[in-house]
Every structure is written in C-alpha cells, then in structure tokens.
Amino acid sequence: MRDVLFELAERVDCGETVGVGTVVATFSSAPRPPGAAMLVAPDGTVTGSVSGGCVEGAVYELAQGSETPVLQRYGVSDDDAFAVGLTCGGIIDIYVEKINRENFPELPDVVETVRAEQPVAIATVITSPGRRMVIWPDRRAGTLGSARADDAVTDDARGMLASGRSGVLHYGPDGQRRGEGMDVFVNSFEPPPRLLVFGAIDFAAAMARLGSFLGYRVTVCDARPVFATKTRFPEADEVIVDWPHRYLAKIADKLDERTVIAVLTHDPKFDVPLLEVALRLKVGYVGAMGSRRTHEDRLARLREAGLTESELATLSSPIGLDLGARTPEETAVSIAAEIISRRWNGSGSRLSELSLPIHR
C-alpha cells in the first residue's frame, strides 16, 4: 500500500470514504505481491494496481459498490477467467474495504511514521471485518477484539516488520496460535532499502534515477565537492561530500541485508579502501565498475589488504549483466538487472529460453 498511502490519507483527510483493494495472499504465479493496493475514490478515480490489469475491473466494482468488507479470491478456474481472473495462471486473495476517518483514525499516525522512514505495520482481521490494529516497534493502537489476540498478533507482526514481510497470519478466535477462524493480514511498512552510489559521474546520475524509480533511498557520495552536488543528482535523496570509505564506515550500523552498494569510481585510491569496508558488511549487493584488467588489479590490491577469498567472492565485478550496454542509462539498467537477479535468485537468462516458473 506504500505507493498509494499518501493519496489515501489526503482523500480521507478531506472527508472522503475511499474504496481500497489490497492483495493479502498469492499462490503460484501472481503479478503483484501482498500489500499491493488499488484505491477507488468516490468520483471513480483509480490509483494503484492489484494485478497489473487482470482483475482490476472486478475489484473496481467491489470497491465502489460494497459497503461491507469482502475477501475475494481470483484465479483461472472457468470460462470467465480472462474477464475476472489471472491470465498468468496464478491465484490472488484481495481484501476490499471502505476507509474513512471514522473507521481508521490511526491513518495520519501511519503516514507520519512512513514519511519519517520509521517502521510500522497495519494488522487487519480479514475474516471479521472492521477490526484493525496499528503496530510500531514500541507501541500499538486499536484492537482486534481481545487482549490475548492483540498480544499474539503484536508479537508476530513485529517479527514480520523486522524482516520487511507482509502476509496473512492464522489464529483461533481469541488469538490462539494453533487455532483457526481468525485470519489477520499484516501489511509491513519498513523503511525503503538503501542504494549507495559511490562516484559522482554520469553513470551515477543514471543509477540514481533508476534506483529512485525502483524504490530505493538513494545516496550519492564522492570526495570531490565540485562534482558531488544536488544540482547534478536531483533524483538522489542525499548527496554526501566525503571520502567514500570513511562515509561508509560511519553509517555501517544503519545498513542491512537489503542495502545495495554500487562503486562506480574505478579509481584505486577511492575504490580499494571503500571495498575493504564494503565487502566486510552484511549487505545485499556490492558491485564495482571497471574493465577486466581493472578488476584483476583491484582483486590483487584487496588481497594485499587482507580480504579473504570468501569476502572477495561476494563482489560483483565487473558490475552488471551482459546486456551490451553503452550509455550511462543502459549501464544503469544492466546494474539494476543484476541487483534484481541476485535478490530473487534469477538466472539473468531470457524467459523465452526457460521452462521454469516466471515467479519463483
């Protein structure tokens, strides 16, 4: 819901009642993950998507017409599948509800937390409409019907929030963990993952644009103040003037396994000290730009600096996938493609040449 949250809050603040369809579960191949949402305003305006176009029409009708929350399953199961089902062959569960000031008074607090890039989760009982709780790492608001249920869901939702997962939890009527009858959808709003781009060059500008598009919080860092300016990198969330290795060491405790580090300096005096720090961190991706000759020289320098072979094995260098890229923008796509492939264990091959499921 992150991509539609702010518009939802603005409309609710204006006194509107907004229809919201949210993907709560997926099975097999599905185009959107749990948490994806679509808004239907009173004037019929649509924002967001729950299926990439497959079932939007059916969800639109529910969001406009139903005053009572509805949990609806869509999938290819009959002759009408192309009209109201998923043509890709998967199954999705969508929870459709109306949201306004009265039934979601905590919404402004959720928006404030997300704007501050702090973690928060919304727990909604999808088998007993109308019950909702907002959960922060240190507090909660609302109730799911009983203290026992509130405590159980709070503990479990905080675990999901810590790992950035959204999904359905199953309980007994009073929050019993081995029971059934109460399904709770936990929608996690963790801070966006970080993309750290080192080297204030034209390739970094293209990478900042694409990283922002992909939902990363983008930082561009370079030791040269004449090049590291906000004017040159308007899409970056922040531009830092500092020695790359020194800046990375300063913020190391703020990084996690979703963090992406792209070293685009291809200058030994910058990238070798930087990679000494980066390759010892528990982050999701470290890539470095340069020719194969630069790569071999860089590896030799890093071995001299004491890095182990297992640490060096985590380095993606030369950076990116083999797309035949030439321009900064094409190179940024190549790098982003490798990041996505590493994150989801993709092969990087053409889908038309594979027989594996598209969504694994």
Protein backbone atom coordinates (compact mmCIF):
# COMPACT_ATOMS: atom_id res chain seq x y z
CA MET A 1 0.00 0.00 0.00
CA ARG A 2 3.02 2.27 0.25
CA ASP A 3 2.58 3.57 -3.31
CA VAL A 4 -1.00 4.75 -2.65
CA LEU A 5 -0.79 5.54 1.07
CA PHE A 6 -0.27 9.28 0.80
CA GLU A 7 -3.14 9.81 -1.66
CA LEU A 8 -5.39 7.69 0.54
CA ALA A 9 -4.52 9.86 3.54
CA GLU A 10 -5.16 13.08 1.61
CA ARG A 11 -8.59 11.94 0.46
CA VAL A 12 -9.58 10.63 3.89
CA ASP A 13 -8.40 13.90 5.45
CA CYS A 14 -10.75 15.73 3.08
CA GLY A 15 -13.65 13.67 4.43
CA GLU A 16 -13.91 11.15 1.61
CA THR A 17 -14.69 7.45 2.01
CA VAL A 18 -12.30 5.57 -0.27
CA GLY A 19 -12.60 2.03 -1.56
CA VAL A 20 -9.35 0.09 -1.14
CA GLY A 21 -8.47 -3.31 -2.58
CA THR A 22 -5.34 -4.92 -1.11
CA VAL A 23 -3.55 -8.10 -2.18
CA VAL A 24 -3.30 -10.18 1.01
CA ALA A 25 -2.11 -13.54 -0.37
CA THR A 26 -0.79 -15.02 -3.60
CA PHE A 27 -0.47 -18.60 -4.85
CA SER A 28 1.66 -19.82 -7.75
CA SER A 29 2.34 -17.10 -10.35
CA ALA A 30 0.99 -13.67 -9.37
CA PRO A 31 1.77 -10.24 -10.82
CA ARG A 32 1.68 -8.20 -7.56
CA PRO A 33 2.92 -9.14 -4.07
CA PRO A 34 0.98 -8.99 -0.78
CA GLY A 35 0.47 -5.38 0.19
CA ALA A 36 -0.11 -4.08 -3.34
CA ALA A 37 -3.20 -1.89 -3.31
CA MET A 38 -5.68 -0.06 -5.53
CA LEU A 39 -7.76 2.96 -4.49
CA VAL A 40 -11.18 3.77 -5.90
CA ALA A 41 -12.25 7.30 -4.97
CA PRO A 42 -15.91 8.41 -4.71
CA ASP A 43 -15.57 10.15 -8.10
CA GLY A 44 -14.39 6.88 -9.70
CA THR A 45 -10.72 7.82 -9.91
CA VAL A 46 -8.41 4.80 -9.67
CA THR A 47 -4.90 4.82 -8.25
CA GLY A 48 -2.58 1.84 -7.96
CA SER A 49 -2.94 -1.75 -9.09
CA VAL A 50 -3.56 -5.19 -7.59
CA SER A 51 -2.91 -7.41 -10.58
CA GLY A 52 -1.30 -5.45 -13.38
CA GLY A 53 -4.63 -5.25 -15.19
CA CYS A 54 -6.03 -8.78 -14.89
CA VAL A 55 -8.71 -8.28 -12.25
CA GLU A 56 -8.83 -4.53 -11.75
CA GLY A 57 -12.32 -4.28 -13.28
CA ALA A 58 -13.82 -6.74 -10.79
CA VAL A 59 -12.08 -5.10 -7.83
CA TYR A 60 -13.24 -1.69 -9.06
CA GLU A 61 -16.87 -2.84 -8.93
CA LEU A 62 -16.46 -4.26 -5.43
CA ALA A 63 -14.69 -1.15 -4.15
CA GLN A 64 -17.44 1.09 -5.48
CA GLY A 65 -20.44 -0.99 -4.57
CA SER A 66 -19.81 -3.00 -1.41
CA GLU A 67 -20.22 -1.24 1.94
CA THR A 68 -19.13 -4.36 3.82
CA PRO A 69 -15.50 -5.55 3.55
CA VAL A 70 -15.07 -8.51 1.21
CA LEU A 71 -12.29 -11.10 0.90
CA GLN A 72 -12.33 -12.25 -2.74
CA ARG A 73 -10.20 -14.86 -4.49
CA TYR A 74 -9.33 -14.56 -8.19
CA GLY A 75 -7.75 -17.21 -10.39
CA VAL A 76 -8.03 -19.07 -13.67
CA SER A 77 -10.78 -21.57 -12.97
CA ASP A 78 -13.58 -21.14 -15.51
CA ASP A 79 -14.53 -19.75 -18.90
CA ASP A 80 -14.70 -16.24 -17.48
CA ALA A 81 -11.09 -16.29 -16.33
CA PHE A 82 -9.95 -13.74 -18.87
CA ALA A 83 -12.69 -11.36 -17.71
CA VAL A 84 -12.19 -11.58 -13.95
CA GLY A 85 -9.24 -13.92 -13.41
CA LEU A 86 -5.49 -14.05 -13.65
CA THR A 87 -4.43 -14.87 -17.17
CA CYS A 88 -0.93 -15.71 -15.88
CA GLY A 89 -2.30 -18.78 -14.14
CA GLY A 90 -1.91 -17.75 -10.51
CA ILE A 91 -4.34 -17.10 -7.68
CA ILE A 92 -4.62 -13.97 -5.51
CA ASP A 93 -6.74 -13.09 -2.49
CA ILE A 94 -7.85 -9.47 -2.37
CA TYR A 95 -9.42 -7.75 0.62
CA VAL A 96 -11.73 -4.90 -0.39
CA GLU A 97 -12.88 -2.35 2.18
CA LYS A 98 -14.02 1.25 2.60
CA ILE A 99 -11.72 3.53 4.58
CA ASN A 100 -12.62 6.87 6.15
CA ARG A 101 -11.81 8.96 9.21
CA GLU A 102 -14.20 7.10 11.46
CA ASN A 103 -13.00 3.55 10.83
CA PHE A 104 -9.27 4.32 10.53
CA PRO A 105 -8.43 7.17 12.93
CA GLU A 106 -4.80 5.99 13.16
CA LEU A 107 -4.13 6.64 9.45
CA PRO A 108 -2.47 10.05 9.99
CA ASP A 109 -0.07 8.46 12.50
CA VAL A 110 0.79 5.74 9.98
CA VAL A 111 1.53 8.34 7.31
CA GLU A 112 3.67 10.39 9.69
CA THR A 113 5.68 7.28 10.57
CA VAL A 114 6.20 6.28 6.93
CA ARG A 115 7.25 9.82 5.98
CA ALA A 116 9.82 9.70 8.78
CA GLU A 117 11.11 6.41 7.32
CA GLN A 118 10.32 4.54 10.52
CA PRO A 119 8.81 1.01 10.65
CA VAL A 120 5.07 0.45 11.22
CA ALA A 121 2.63 -2.38 10.44
CA ILE A 122 -1.14 -2.47 9.95
CA ALA A 123 -2.83 -5.67 11.17
CA THR A 124 -6.33 -6.21 9.76
CA VAL A 125 -8.66 -9.10 10.59
CA ILE A 126 -9.87 -10.16 7.15
CA THR A 127 -12.28 -12.84 8.45
CA SER A 128 -14.00 -10.47 10.89
CA PRO A 129 -14.32 -7.15 9.08
CA GLY A 130 -13.75 -3.88 10.87
CA ARG A 131 -11.03 -4.91 13.32
CA ARG A 132 -7.67 -3.26 12.81
CA MET A 133 -4.56 -2.53 14.84
CA VAL A 134 -1.52 -0.38 14.07
CA ILE A 135 1.76 -1.73 15.45
CA TRP A 136 5.04 0.10 15.98
CA PRO A 137 8.22 -1.44 17.45
CA ASP A 138 7.44 0.20 20.80
CA ARG A 139 3.64 0.72 20.90
CA ARG A 140 0.32 -0.13 19.27
CA ALA A 141 -3.09 1.43 18.67
CA GLY A 142 -6.51 -0.14 18.09
CA THR A 143 -7.67 -3.63 18.96
CA LEU A 144 -8.55 -6.90 17.26
CA GLY A 145 -11.18 -7.80 19.82
CA SER A 146 -9.34 -9.19 22.84
CA ALA A 147 -6.17 -8.59 24.82
CA ARG A 148 -4.93 -12.10 24.08
CA ALA A 149 -5.36 -11.66 20.34
CA ASP A 150 -3.79 -8.21 20.46
CA ASP A 151 -0.71 -9.54 22.27
CA ALA A 152 -0.25 -12.53 19.96
CA VAL A 153 -0.62 -10.51 16.77
CA THR A 154 1.61 -7.72 18.10
CA ASP A 155 4.47 -10.14 18.77
CA ASP A 156 4.15 -11.86 15.40
CA ALA A 157 3.66 -8.62 13.45
CA ARG A 158 6.79 -7.12 14.96
CA GLY A 159 8.73 -10.13 13.78
CA MET A 160 7.36 -9.68 10.26
CA LEU A 161 8.07 -5.96 10.39
CA ALA A 162 11.68 -6.56 11.36
CA SER A 163 12.17 -8.68 8.23
CA GLY A 164 10.04 -6.46 5.97
CA ARG A 165 7.44 -9.14 5.23
CA SER A 166 3.71 -8.74 4.63
CA GLY A 167 1.28 -11.66 4.73
CA VAL A 168 -1.59 -13.49 6.44
CA LEU A 169 -1.31 -14.97 9.95
CA HIS A 170 -3.78 -17.56 11.24
CA TYR A 171 -5.18 -17.73 14.76
CA GLY A 172 -8.02 -19.10 16.81
CA PRO A 173 -10.92 -16.77 17.69
CA ASP A 174 -9.07 -15.43 20.74
CA GLY A 175 -5.60 -15.29 19.25
CA GLN A 176 -4.61 -18.92 19.81
CA ARG A 177 -1.62 -19.56 17.59
CA ARG A 178 -2.59 -23.15 16.81
CA GLY A 179 -6.23 -22.34 16.23
CA GLU A 180 -8.16 -21.26 13.18
CA GLY A 181 -11.02 -18.95 12.43
CA MET A 182 -9.25 -15.58 12.61
CA ASP A 183 -7.03 -14.59 9.69
CA VAL A 184 -5.01 -11.40 10.10
CA PHE A 185 -3.26 -9.61 7.25
CA VAL A 186 -0.10 -7.82 8.37
CA ASN A 187 0.94 -5.04 6.00
CA SER A 188 4.51 -4.02 6.84
CA PHE A 189 5.85 -0.57 6.07
CA GLU A 190 9.55 -0.88 6.69
CA PRO A 191 11.91 1.96 5.63
CA PRO A 192 12.90 1.73 1.95
CA PRO A 193 16.11 -0.17 1.15
CA ARG A 194 19.23 1.91 0.62
CA LEU A 195 21.23 2.32 -2.58
CA LEU A 196 24.67 3.80 -2.00
CA VAL A 197 26.31 5.06 -5.20
CA PHE A 198 29.96 6.00 -4.88
CA GLY A 199 31.48 8.19 -7.58
CA ALA A 200 29.87 11.43 -8.80
CA ILE A 201 29.97 10.62 -12.52
CA ASP A 202 27.36 10.49 -15.29
CA PHE A 203 26.83 6.76 -14.69
CA ALA A 204 25.99 7.60 -11.05
CA ALA A 205 23.35 10.11 -12.16
CA ALA A 206 21.64 7.44 -14.29
CA MET A 207 21.92 4.94 -11.42
CA ALA A 208 20.35 7.44 -9.01
CA ARG A 209 17.40 7.95 -11.35
CA LEU A 210 16.80 4.23 -11.79
CA GLY A 211 17.37 3.47 -8.11
CA SER A 212 14.77 6.05 -7.11
CA PHE A 213 12.35 4.55 -9.64
CA LEU A 214 12.88 1.09 -8.09
CA GLY A 215 12.02 2.40 -4.61
CA TYR A 216 15.46 2.78 -3.07
CA ARG A 217 16.58 5.60 -0.80
CA VAL A 218 19.49 6.82 -2.92
CA THR A 219 22.72 8.32 -1.61
CA VAL A 220 25.47 9.58 -3.91
CA CYS A 221 28.87 10.02 -2.27
CA ASP A 222 32.13 11.48 -3.60
CA ALA A 223 35.11 13.21 -2.01
CA ARG A 224 35.13 15.97 -4.64
CA PRO A 225 32.75 18.84 -3.74
CA VAL A 226 32.82 20.30 -7.23
CA PHE A 227 31.19 17.13 -8.60
CA ALA A 228 29.09 15.94 -5.65
CA THR A 229 26.27 18.47 -5.81
CA LYS A 230 22.49 18.19 -5.52
CA THR A 231 22.16 20.00 -8.85
CA ARG A 232 23.98 17.18 -10.65
CA PHE A 233 21.99 14.47 -8.84
CA PRO A 234 18.44 15.79 -8.35
CA GLU A 235 16.94 12.27 -8.06
CA ALA A 236 19.21 11.32 -5.15
CA ASP A 237 17.74 11.60 -1.66
CA GLU A 238 21.06 12.88 -0.41
CA VAL A 239 24.45 13.84 -1.85
CA ILE A 240 27.41 13.43 0.50
CA VAL A 241 30.84 15.03 0.18
CA ASP A 242 33.25 12.73 1.99
CA TRP A 243 35.84 10.08 1.34
CA PRO A 244 33.77 7.02 0.35
CA HIS A 245 35.38 4.54 2.76
CA ARG A 246 35.10 6.99 5.66
CA TYR A 247 31.43 7.71 4.99
CA LEU A 248 30.56 4.02 4.60
CA ALA A 249 32.29 3.17 7.89
CA LYS A 250 30.28 5.93 9.62
CA ILE A 251 26.90 4.56 8.53
CA ALA A 252 27.73 0.83 8.64
CA ASP A 253 25.46 0.19 11.63
CA LYS A 254 22.48 1.66 9.73
CA LEU A 255 22.75 -0.77 6.81
CA ASP A 256 21.03 -4.14 6.41
CA GLU A 257 20.82 -7.08 4.04
CA ARG A 258 18.64 -5.10 1.62
CA THR A 259 21.35 -2.47 1.11
CA VAL A 260 22.93 -2.13 -2.33
CA ILE A 261 26.39 -0.63 -2.84
CA ALA A 262 27.49 0.43 -6.32
CA VAL A 263 31.13 1.51 -6.60
CA LEU A 264 31.46 3.49 -9.82
CA THR A 265 34.71 5.36 -9.13
CA HIS A 266 37.05 2.82 -10.83
CA ASP A 267 39.95 4.69 -9.23
CA PRO A 268 42.15 2.60 -6.86
CA LYS A 269 42.65 5.39 -4.34
CA PHE A 270 38.89 5.57 -3.86
CA ASP A 271 37.53 2.10 -4.53
CA VAL A 272 40.10 -0.14 -2.81
CA PRO A 273 39.71 1.42 0.68
CA LEU A 274 35.95 1.56 0.07
CA LEU A 275 35.70 -2.10 -0.89
CA GLU A 276 37.79 -3.08 2.14
CA VAL A 277 34.89 -1.77 4.23
CA ALA A 278 32.01 -2.79 1.94
CA LEU A 279 32.96 -6.44 1.48
CA ARG A 280 33.01 -7.00 5.23
CA LEU A 281 29.46 -5.73 5.73
CA LYS A 282 26.29 -7.85 5.71
CA VAL A 283 24.60 -6.13 2.78
CA GLY A 284 22.65 -7.47 -0.17
CA TYR A 285 24.93 -6.46 -3.03
CA VAL A 286 28.33 -4.91 -3.67
CA GLY A 287 29.31 -4.17 -7.26
CA ALA A 288 32.26 -2.29 -8.72
CA MET A 289 32.68 -0.74 -12.17
CA GLY A 290 35.78 -1.21 -14.28
CA SER A 291 37.40 -3.21 -17.05
CA ARG A 292 38.56 -6.77 -16.54
CA ARG A 293 42.13 -5.51 -16.21
CA THR A 294 40.95 -3.03 -13.54
CA HIS A 295 39.11 -5.87 -11.84
CA GLU A 296 42.21 -8.09 -11.65
CA ASP A 297 44.32 -5.23 -10.32
CA ARG A 298 41.63 -4.41 -7.77
CA LEU A 299 41.48 -8.01 -6.55
CA ALA A 300 45.26 -8.09 -6.11
CA ARG A 301 45.18 -4.89 -4.05
CA LEU A 302 42.31 -6.20 -1.92
CA ARG A 303 44.16 -9.46 -1.23
CA GLU A 304 47.18 -7.43 -0.15
CA ALA A 305 44.85 -5.52 2.19
CA GLY A 306 43.88 -8.80 3.87
CA LEU A 307 40.49 -9.67 2.38
CA THR A 308 39.71 -13.38 2.23
CA GLU A 309 38.65 -15.29 -0.87
CA SER A 310 35.14 -15.75 0.56
CA GLU A 311 34.84 -11.99 1.05
CA LEU A 312 36.09 -11.32 -2.48
CA ALA A 313 33.59 -13.83 -3.86
CA THR A 314 30.72 -11.56 -2.83
CA LEU A 315 31.96 -8.78 -5.14
CA SER A 316 30.14 -8.31 -8.45
CA SER A 317 32.85 -7.03 -10.74
CA PRO A 318 32.78 -6.01 -13.49
CA ILE A 319 29.40 -4.71 -12.36
CA GLY A 320 26.14 -5.53 -14.15
CA LEU A 321 24.76 -8.12 -16.56
CA ASP A 322 25.87 -8.61 -20.15
CA LEU A 323 23.25 -6.52 -21.97
CA GLY A 324 25.63 -4.89 -24.40
CA ALA A 325 25.08 -1.58 -22.60
CA ARG A 326 26.82 1.52 -23.91
CA THR A 327 25.19 4.66 -22.47
CA PRO A 328 25.01 5.58 -18.76
CA GLU A 329 21.28 4.82 -18.81
CA GLU A 330 21.79 1.40 -20.41
CA THR A 331 24.57 0.65 -17.95
CA ALA A 332 22.27 1.58 -15.05
CA VAL A 333 19.70 -0.89 -16.39
CA SER A 334 22.43 -3.54 -16.59
CA ILE A 335 23.41 -2.93 -12.97
CA ALA A 336 19.78 -2.87 -11.78
CA ALA A 337 19.12 -6.13 -13.64
CA GLU A 338 21.97 -7.83 -11.79
CA ILE A 339 20.75 -6.46 -8.44
CA ILE A 340 17.24 -7.79 -9.07
CA SER A 341 18.59 -11.12 -10.29
CA ARG A 342 20.75 -11.53 -7.17
CA ARG A 343 17.90 -10.53 -4.87
CA TRP A 344 15.43 -13.08 -6.24
CA ASN A 345 17.90 -15.75 -7.41
CA GLY A 346 17.10 -15.16 -11.06
CA SER A 347 19.29 -16.61 -13.79
CA GLY A 348 19.51 -13.48 -15.92
CA SER A 349 18.55 -15.58 -18.96
CA ARG A 350 15.79 -14.83 -21.48
CA LEU A 351 12.43 -16.05 -20.21
CA SER A 352 11.60 -17.35 -23.68
CA GLU A 353 14.50 -19.79 -23.37
CA LEU A 354 13.47 -21.15 -19.95
CA SER A 355 10.75 -23.53 -18.76
CA LEU A 356 10.95 -22.51 -15.09
CA PRO A 357 8.06 -20.63 -13.40
CA ILE A 358 8.29 -16.88 -14.01
CA HIS A 359 7.65 -16.06 -10.34
CA ARG A 360 9.66 -18.32 -8.06
